[in-house]
């Protein structure tokens, strides 16, 4: 069995690439919209469709992992992302939901698959940190999208940027093959996959109120996080005349702050065993950061806008590792990947709901400010719920 560190490296790399694919669409939307004639806010609907299919894939992932292994499932997911990025460059606008379908099938399985393999290789006293470090792959992927893609769009085209991401996914599939045999050694080729596989994660979730609370919190936090990622570039370029590169830096700043926050909160959770309280306070502060986004003014210095993005990243993009580690810790032995499927489904439910809601409110009010206030309310409610709840374990 490879060490926890080699497992961490490969699962983080896979997370980086799939997250890069997910964030690439909102980042490329302004340039693609100018060429194809659509509003950048349509990216919110694309994101909603992506996570609709991703949530279904997440529910099946636990059974797929038990049969084929975590790495093999992750490799298949990367290939789906590769196909999605390629389809973006050739499909007409009306057929873009097909690309979203493949992207959802690629992004949905990653958290359950990585939770399974990390849960079996990570000592209990390191779970908060290891899961948090792995989840930095989400923010690193977002930061990479903000830094890498705009220059490619400027120097070449948005299609060239999408194809570049496709090539990176294929290379990651090849790299992961070196650890596949060792990490997938616990797979059972005879494990049955049926329609019951869709309900099994929820049956496990229903047995523990704490698991249910953590998963619902993940949904509220994930939806708010995606609203920042999906709309901050369009917000800054449309309302404040930021260049695409400057808005990309703001997105990258939030994601880099999320990397630092995930590691810090993971360490703190391991040392204090106070994951519930940490999640509660993160919910409260990310709400304040979202209010700060709504308050950005025309004459604000760029440094102040970046500071607000940093605060949001440090809270609203840094919660995932603590939450996923706690869900894995509370899961029945050997079932972390299955329970994580339900947790991922709920997270994606938040993502399917809040970004499209953001787009509807924006189109109705012609404002980015009001939706940034509205979509923060579920996170605030869940943060308060965590602070008031009693921990039983």
Protein backbone atom coordinates (compact mmCIF):
# COMPACT_ATOMS: atom_id res chain seq x y z
CA UNK A 1 0.00 0.00 0.00
CA UNK A 2 1.49 3.41 -0.97
CA UNK A 3 2.05 5.93 1.80
CA UNK A 4 -0.59 8.48 2.72
CA UNK A 5 1.59 11.16 1.11
CA UNK A 6 1.79 9.52 -2.32
CA UNK A 7 -1.96 8.92 -2.15
CA UNK A 8 -2.43 12.56 -1.22
CA UNK A 9 -0.33 13.76 -4.15
CA UNK A 10 -2.21 11.80 -6.82
CA UNK A 11 -5.68 12.54 -5.44
CA UNK A 12 -4.82 16.24 -5.17
CA UNK A 13 -3.50 16.33 -8.74
CA UNK A 14 -6.70 14.74 -10.02
CA UNK A 15 -8.74 17.24 -8.00
CA UNK A 16 -6.77 20.16 -9.47
CA UNK A 17 -7.47 19.12 -13.05
CA UNK A 18 -11.17 18.39 -12.63
CA UNK A 19 -11.63 21.67 -10.76
CA UNK A 20 -9.76 23.52 -13.49
CA UNK A 21 -12.28 22.12 -15.98
CA UNK A 22 -15.25 23.17 -13.83
CA UNK A 23 -13.98 26.75 -13.39
CA UNK A 24 -12.80 27.07 -17.00
CA UNK A 25 -16.34 27.58 -18.32
CA UNK A 26 -17.15 30.71 -16.24
CA UNK A 27 -13.69 32.13 -16.95
CA UNK A 28 -14.02 31.58 -20.70
CA UNK A 29 -17.66 32.71 -20.82
CA UNK A 30 -17.01 36.46 -21.40
CA UNK A 31 -14.78 35.79 -24.43
CA UNK A 32 -16.98 32.99 -25.78
CA UNK A 33 -20.08 35.11 -25.22
CA UNK A 34 -18.72 37.96 -27.34
CA UNK A 35 -17.99 35.57 -30.19
CA UNK A 36 -21.14 33.45 -29.98
CA UNK A 37 -23.52 36.19 -28.86
CA UNK A 38 -24.71 35.18 -25.39
CA UNK A 39 -24.63 36.75 -21.94
CA UNK A 40 -21.84 35.58 -19.58
CA UNK A 41 -24.50 34.91 -16.94
CA UNK A 42 -25.51 31.85 -18.99
CA UNK A 43 -22.46 30.23 -17.38
CA UNK A 44 -24.60 29.89 -14.26
CA UNK A 45 -27.07 27.68 -16.13
CA UNK A 46 -24.20 25.64 -17.58
CA UNK A 47 -22.88 25.16 -14.05
CA UNK A 48 -26.34 24.07 -12.89
CA UNK A 49 -26.60 21.43 -15.64
CA UNK A 50 -23.06 20.24 -14.89
CA UNK A 51 -23.80 19.62 -11.25
CA UNK A 52 -27.17 18.03 -12.01
CA UNK A 53 -25.40 15.21 -13.81
CA UNK A 54 -22.51 15.36 -11.36
CA UNK A 55 -24.84 14.69 -8.44
CA UNK A 56 -26.21 11.55 -10.10
CA UNK A 57 -22.67 10.37 -10.85
CA UNK A 58 -21.66 11.01 -7.23
CA UNK A 59 -24.43 8.75 -5.91
CA UNK A 60 -23.20 5.87 -8.09
CA UNK A 61 -19.53 6.46 -7.36
CA UNK A 62 -19.45 4.55 -4.07
CA UNK A 63 -20.53 1.33 -5.76
CA UNK A 64 -18.32 1.98 -8.79
CA UNK A 65 -15.32 2.47 -6.51
CA UNK A 66 -16.01 -0.77 -4.64
CA UNK A 67 -16.08 -2.61 -7.97
CA UNK A 68 -13.44 -0.87 -10.10
CA UNK A 69 -11.28 1.04 -7.60
CA UNK A 70 -10.86 4.72 -6.76
CA UNK A 71 -8.11 5.47 -9.26
CA UNK A 72 -9.82 3.76 -12.18
CA UNK A 73 -13.03 5.68 -11.50
CA UNK A 74 -11.01 8.91 -11.25
CA UNK A 75 -9.30 8.17 -14.57
CA UNK A 76 -12.67 7.66 -16.25
CA UNK A 77 -13.82 10.95 -14.74
CA UNK A 78 -10.80 12.78 -16.16
CA UNK A 79 -11.55 11.40 -19.62
CA UNK A 80 -15.12 12.68 -19.33
CA UNK A 81 -13.70 16.13 -18.53
CA UNK A 82 -11.42 15.84 -21.55
CA UNK A 83 -14.40 15.14 -23.79
CA UNK A 84 -16.35 18.04 -22.27
CA UNK A 85 -13.60 20.58 -22.92
CA UNK A 86 -13.28 19.33 -26.50
CA UNK A 87 -17.03 19.55 -27.11
CA UNK A 88 -17.06 23.17 -25.96
CA UNK A 89 -14.90 24.10 -28.93
CA UNK A 90 -17.07 22.48 -31.63
CA UNK A 91 -20.69 22.44 -30.43
CA UNK A 92 -23.22 25.14 -31.34
CA UNK A 93 -24.66 27.13 -28.45
CA UNK A 94 -27.92 25.13 -28.26
CA UNK A 95 -25.97 21.86 -27.82
CA UNK A 96 -23.75 23.04 -24.96
CA UNK A 97 -25.76 21.03 -22.37
CA UNK A 98 -24.08 17.94 -23.86
CA UNK A 99 -20.70 19.31 -22.81
CA UNK A 100 -22.16 20.07 -19.39
CA UNK A 101 -23.34 16.45 -19.13
CA UNK A 102 -19.82 15.10 -19.71
CA UNK A 103 -18.32 17.67 -17.37
CA UNK A 104 -20.76 16.62 -14.63
CA UNK A 105 -19.90 12.95 -15.16
CA UNK A 106 -16.25 13.89 -14.78
CA UNK A 107 -16.50 16.18 -11.78
CA UNK A 108 -19.11 14.32 -9.71
CA UNK A 109 -17.14 11.16 -8.84
CA UNK A 110 -13.94 12.84 -7.64
CA UNK A 111 -14.78 13.59 -3.99
CA UNK A 112 -16.37 10.19 -3.21
CA UNK A 113 -13.54 8.35 -4.99
CA UNK A 114 -10.79 10.26 -3.22
CA UNK A 115 -12.59 10.00 0.14
CA UNK A 116 -12.56 6.21 -0.16
CA UNK A 117 -8.86 5.92 -0.83
CA UNK A 118 -7.81 8.61 1.66
CA UNK A 119 -9.98 7.17 4.44
CA UNK A 120 -8.21 3.82 4.18
CA UNK A 121 -4.67 5.25 4.06
CA UNK A 122 -4.88 8.19 6.50
CA UNK A 123 -4.41 7.84 10.30
CA UNK A 124 -7.41 9.24 12.23
CA UNK A 125 -5.38 12.03 13.85
CA UNK A 126 -4.36 13.35 10.39
CA UNK A 127 -7.70 13.22 8.60
CA UNK A 128 -8.55 16.90 8.93
CA UNK A 129 -5.22 18.00 7.47
CA UNK A 130 -4.98 15.35 4.74
CA UNK A 131 -8.52 15.90 3.48
CA UNK A 132 -8.00 19.67 3.63
CA UNK A 133 -4.77 19.46 1.65
CA UNK A 134 -6.50 17.27 -0.94
CA UNK A 135 -9.33 19.77 -1.15
CA UNK A 136 -6.82 22.53 -1.89
CA UNK A 137 -6.90 20.95 -5.34
CA UNK A 138 -10.29 22.62 -5.84
CA UNK A 139 -8.90 26.06 -5.08
CA UNK A 140 -5.64 25.44 -6.91
CA UNK A 141 -7.68 24.45 -9.96
CA UNK A 142 -9.69 27.67 -9.66
CA UNK A 143 -6.55 29.74 -9.20
CA UNK A 144 -4.91 28.04 -12.16
CA UNK A 145 -7.97 28.87 -14.27
CA UNK A 146 -7.76 32.53 -13.26
CA UNK A 147 -4.03 32.80 -13.98
CA UNK A 148 -3.47 30.47 -16.93
CA UNK A 149 -6.57 30.77 -19.10
CA UNK A 150 -6.93 34.56 -19.65
CA UNK A 151 -3.48 34.92 -21.24
CA UNK A 152 -4.20 31.98 -23.57
CA UNK A 153 -7.52 33.60 -24.51
CA UNK A 154 -5.78 36.93 -25.17
CA UNK A 155 -2.86 35.49 -27.16
CA UNK A 156 -4.77 32.77 -29.01
CA UNK A 157 -8.48 32.10 -28.39
CA UNK A 158 -10.90 30.72 -25.82
CA UNK A 159 -11.04 27.50 -27.83
CA UNK A 160 -7.26 27.09 -27.51
CA UNK A 161 -7.61 27.52 -23.75
CA UNK A 162 -10.25 24.77 -23.58
CA UNK A 163 -8.12 22.38 -25.62
CA UNK A 164 -5.10 23.07 -23.41
CA UNK A 165 -7.12 21.93 -20.40
CA UNK A 166 -8.10 18.75 -22.28
CA UNK A 167 -4.47 17.84 -22.89
CA UNK A 168 -3.63 18.37 -19.21
CA UNK A 169 -6.41 15.96 -18.21
CA UNK A 170 -5.06 13.23 -20.49
CA UNK A 171 -1.56 13.64 -19.06
CA UNK A 172 -2.95 13.28 -15.53
CA UNK A 173 -4.64 10.00 -16.51
CA UNK A 174 -1.26 8.66 -17.61
CA UNK A 175 0.49 9.79 -14.44
CA UNK A 176 -2.14 8.25 -12.15
CA UNK A 177 -1.72 4.85 -13.80
CA UNK A 178 1.54 4.32 -11.88
CA UNK A 179 -0.35 4.04 -8.57
CA UNK A 180 -3.49 2.41 -9.87
CA UNK A 181 -2.64 -1.22 -9.08
CA UNK A 182 -1.57 -0.49 -5.50
CA UNK A 183 -4.38 1.89 -4.56
CA UNK A 184 -7.15 -0.13 -6.22
CA UNK A 185 -6.10 -3.39 -4.59
CA UNK A 186 -9.26 -3.52 -2.45
CA UNK A 187 -11.67 -3.47 -5.40
CA UNK A 188 -14.19 -6.29 -5.76
CA UNK A 189 -14.90 -7.08 -9.45
CA UNK A 190 -18.03 -8.98 -8.36
CA UNK A 191 -19.57 -6.10 -6.42
CA UNK A 192 -23.10 -5.59 -7.73
CA UNK A 193 -24.22 -2.24 -9.10
CA UNK A 194 -27.98 -1.69 -9.24
CA UNK A 195 -30.60 0.99 -8.71
CA UNK A 196 -30.26 0.38 -4.97
CA UNK A 197 -26.82 1.96 -5.27
CA UNK A 198 -28.54 5.33 -5.71
CA UNK A 199 -30.39 5.11 -2.40
CA UNK A 200 -27.70 3.41 -0.29
CA UNK A 201 -25.82 6.68 0.49
CA UNK A 202 -29.00 8.29 1.80
CA UNK A 203 -29.90 5.24 3.90
CA UNK A 204 -26.54 5.54 5.61
CA UNK A 205 -26.93 9.29 5.99
CA UNK A 206 -30.34 8.95 7.63
CA UNK A 207 -28.87 6.93 10.50
CA UNK A 208 -26.87 9.86 11.92
CA UNK A 209 -28.28 13.40 12.45
CA UNK A 210 -24.75 14.81 12.67
CA UNK A 211 -23.93 13.40 9.23
CA UNK A 212 -27.11 14.95 7.86
CA UNK A 213 -26.28 18.35 9.38
CA UNK A 214 -22.75 18.33 7.96
CA UNK A 215 -23.99 17.35 4.50
CA UNK A 216 -26.69 20.05 4.42
CA UNK A 217 -24.08 22.57 5.53
CA UNK A 218 -21.90 21.45 2.65
CA UNK A 219 -24.75 22.17 0.23
CA UNK A 220 -25.23 25.74 1.47
CA UNK A 221 -21.51 26.50 1.56
CA UNK A 222 -20.83 24.93 -1.85
CA UNK A 223 -23.60 26.92 -3.52
CA UNK A 224 -22.25 30.20 -2.17
CA UNK A 225 -18.70 29.26 -3.11
CA UNK A 226 -19.73 28.52 -6.69
CA UNK A 227 -21.55 31.85 -6.95
CA UNK A 228 -18.27 33.60 -6.16
CA UNK A 229 -16.33 31.48 -8.66
CA UNK A 230 -18.92 31.64 -11.44
CA UNK A 231 -19.69 35.37 -11.32
CA UNK A 232 -16.81 37.35 -9.86
CA UNK A 233 -15.09 37.71 -13.27
CA UNK A 234 -18.29 38.83 -15.00
CA UNK A 235 -19.12 41.13 -12.04
CA UNK A 236 -15.80 42.95 -12.11
CA UNK A 237 -15.52 43.20 -15.90
CA UNK A 238 -19.14 44.30 -16.44
CA UNK A 239 -19.77 46.65 -13.51
CA UNK A 240 -16.30 48.06 -12.91
CA UNK A 241 -14.54 47.78 -16.30
CA UNK A 242 -11.83 45.45 -15.01
CA UNK A 243 -9.83 43.76 -17.74
CA UNK A 244 -10.24 40.00 -18.02
CA UNK A 245 -6.72 39.53 -16.67
CA UNK A 246 -7.34 41.83 -13.67
CA UNK A 247 -10.62 40.07 -12.83
CA UNK A 248 -8.81 36.75 -13.17
CA UNK A 249 -6.30 37.93 -10.56
CA UNK A 250 -9.18 38.67 -8.16
CA UNK A 251 -10.53 35.16 -8.73
CA UNK A 252 -7.06 33.68 -8.24
CA UNK A 253 -6.56 35.69 -5.02
CA UNK A 254 -9.74 34.23 -3.54
CA UNK A 255 -8.69 30.73 -4.50
CA UNK A 256 -5.16 31.10 -3.11
CA UNK A 257 -6.64 32.35 0.16
CA UNK A 258 -8.83 29.26 0.09
CA UNK A 259 -5.73 27.07 -0.16
CA UNK A 260 -4.20 28.68 2.92
CA UNK A 261 -7.51 28.54 4.77
CA UNK A 262 -8.07 24.87 4.06
CA UNK A 263 -4.70 23.91 5.47
CA UNK A 264 -5.15 26.14 8.53
CA UNK A 265 -8.68 24.93 9.32
CA UNK A 266 -7.64 21.30 8.75
CA UNK A 267 -4.77 21.62 11.24
CA UNK A 268 -7.03 23.39 13.71
CA UNK A 269 -9.71 20.73 13.40
CA UNK A 270 -7.19 17.95 14.06
CA UNK A 271 -5.78 19.69 17.13
CA UNK A 272 -9.03 20.91 18.68
CA UNK A 273 -11.50 18.22 17.55
CA UNK A 274 -13.90 21.13 17.08
CA UNK A 275 -14.91 20.69 13.44
CA UNK A 276 -18.52 21.65 14.13
CA UNK A 277 -17.60 24.98 15.71
CA UNK A 278 -15.09 25.74 12.97
CA UNK A 279 -17.73 25.13 10.29
CA UNK A 280 -20.19 27.31 12.19
CA UNK A 281 -17.91 30.33 12.38
CA UNK A 282 -16.85 29.88 8.75
CA UNK A 283 -20.52 30.10 7.75
CA UNK A 284 -20.94 33.38 9.62
CA UNK A 285 -17.77 35.02 8.27
CA UNK A 286 -18.29 33.90 4.66
CA UNK A 287 -21.67 35.62 4.85
CA UNK A 288 -19.94 38.84 5.90
CA UNK A 289 -17.50 38.42 3.02
CA UNK A 290 -20.40 38.01 0.57
CA UNK A 291 -21.87 41.25 1.91
CA UNK A 292 -18.48 42.80 1.20
CA UNK A 293 -18.66 41.61 -2.41
CA UNK A 294 -22.05 43.26 -2.77
CA UNK A 295 -20.61 46.49 -1.35
CA UNK A 296 -17.76 46.84 -3.89
CA UNK A 297 -17.85 50.40 -5.22
CA UNK A 298 -16.85 52.05 -8.47
CA UNK A 299 -14.11 54.09 -6.82
CA UNK A 300 -12.74 51.34 -4.61
CA UNK A 301 -9.00 50.80 -5.03
CA UNK A 302 -8.17 47.46 -6.58
CA UNK A 303 -6.38 46.44 -3.39
CA UNK A 304 -9.59 46.73 -1.38
CA UNK A 305 -11.51 44.59 -3.88
CA UNK A 306 -8.73 42.00 -3.70
CA UNK A 307 -8.91 42.10 0.10
CA UNK A 308 -12.63 41.26 0.03
CA UNK A 309 -11.92 38.38 -2.36
CA UNK A 310 -9.18 37.18 -0.02
CA UNK A 311 -11.59 37.20 2.93
CA UNK A 312 -14.17 35.26 0.97
CA UNK A 313 -11.56 32.75 -0.15
CA UNK A 314 -10.22 32.32 3.39
CA UNK A 315 -13.71 31.33 4.59
CA UNK A 316 -16.09 30.59 1.72
CA UNK A 317 -13.57 28.47 -0.24
CA UNK A 318 -11.74 26.86 2.69
CA UNK A 319 -14.40 24.82 4.50
CA UNK A 320 -14.41 21.70 2.31
CA UNK A 321 -11.60 19.70 3.86
CA UNK A 322 -12.93 19.99 7.41
CA UNK A 323 -16.46 19.11 6.33
CA UNK A 324 -15.49 16.14 4.13
CA UNK A 325 -13.08 14.78 6.76
CA UNK A 326 -15.82 14.95 9.40
CA UNK A 327 -18.28 13.15 7.11
CA UNK A 328 -15.67 10.45 6.46
CA UNK A 329 -14.87 10.16 10.17
CA UNK A 330 -18.52 9.63 11.07
CA UNK A 331 -19.10 7.13 8.25
CA UNK A 332 -19.38 3.37 8.93
CA UNK A 333 -16.06 1.52 8.39
CA UNK A 334 -15.26 0.99 4.72
CA UNK A 335 -18.20 3.12 3.59
CA UNK A 336 -16.60 6.58 3.47
CA UNK A 337 -16.86 6.70 -0.32
CA UNK A 338 -20.53 5.71 -0.27
CA UNK A 339 -21.50 8.28 2.38
CA UNK A 340 -19.38 10.88 0.60
CA UNK A 341 -21.59 10.25 -2.43
CA UNK A 342 -24.60 11.53 -0.48
CA UNK A 343 -22.57 14.46 0.84
CA UNK A 344 -21.42 15.31 -2.66
CA UNK A 345 -25.00 15.05 -3.93
CA UNK A 346 -26.13 17.60 -1.32
CA UNK A 347 -23.20 19.88 -2.11
CA UNK A 348 -24.10 19.73 -5.78
CA UNK A 349 -27.75 20.37 -4.93
CA UNK A 350 -26.61 23.69 -3.46
CA UNK A 351 -24.57 24.37 -6.57
CA UNK A 352 -27.47 23.44 -8.86
CA UNK A 353 -29.77 25.77 -6.94
CA UNK A 354 -27.83 28.89 -5.97
CA UNK A 355 -25.92 29.85 -9.18
CA UNK A 356 -29.07 29.61 -11.34
CA UNK A 357 -30.96 31.54 -8.63
CA UNK A 358 -28.16 34.12 -8.77
CA UNK A 359 -28.65 34.39 -12.55
CA UNK A 360 -32.43 34.79 -12.22
CA UNK A 361 -32.09 37.54 -9.61
CA UNK A 362 -29.41 39.27 -11.68
CA UNK A 363 -31.56 39.25 -14.80
CA UNK A 364 -34.58 40.53 -12.84
CA UNK A 365 -32.71 43.33 -11.05
CA UNK A 366 -29.83 44.01 -13.49
CA UNK A 367 -27.56 43.87 -10.46
CA UNK A 368 -24.84 41.60 -9.12
CA UNK A 369 -25.13 43.11 -5.64
CA UNK A 370 -28.58 41.82 -4.68
CA UNK A 371 -27.93 38.17 -5.61
CA UNK A 372 -24.65 38.17 -3.63
CA UNK A 373 -26.73 39.08 -0.57
CA UNK A 374 -29.51 36.56 -1.18
CA UNK A 375 -27.33 33.50 -1.87
CA UNK A 376 -25.44 34.03 1.41
CA UNK A 377 -28.53 33.43 3.57
CA UNK A 378 -28.41 29.58 3.51
CA UNK A 379 -24.74 29.65 4.54
CA UNK A 380 -25.55 31.95 7.44
CA UNK A 381 -28.40 29.67 8.56
CA UNK A 382 -26.21 26.56 8.46
CA UNK A 383 -23.38 28.33 10.25
CA UNK A 384 -25.68 29.26 13.11
CA UNK A 385 -27.10 25.71 13.11
CA UNK A 386 -23.60 24.26 13.55
CA UNK A 387 -22.82 26.64 16.41
CA UNK A 388 -26.05 25.82 18.24
CA UNK A 389 -25.98 22.03 17.66
CA UNK A 390 -24.68 19.63 20.27
CA UNK A 391 -21.89 17.28 19.30
CA UNK A 392 -22.61 13.68 20.26
CA UNK A 393 -19.23 12.19 19.32
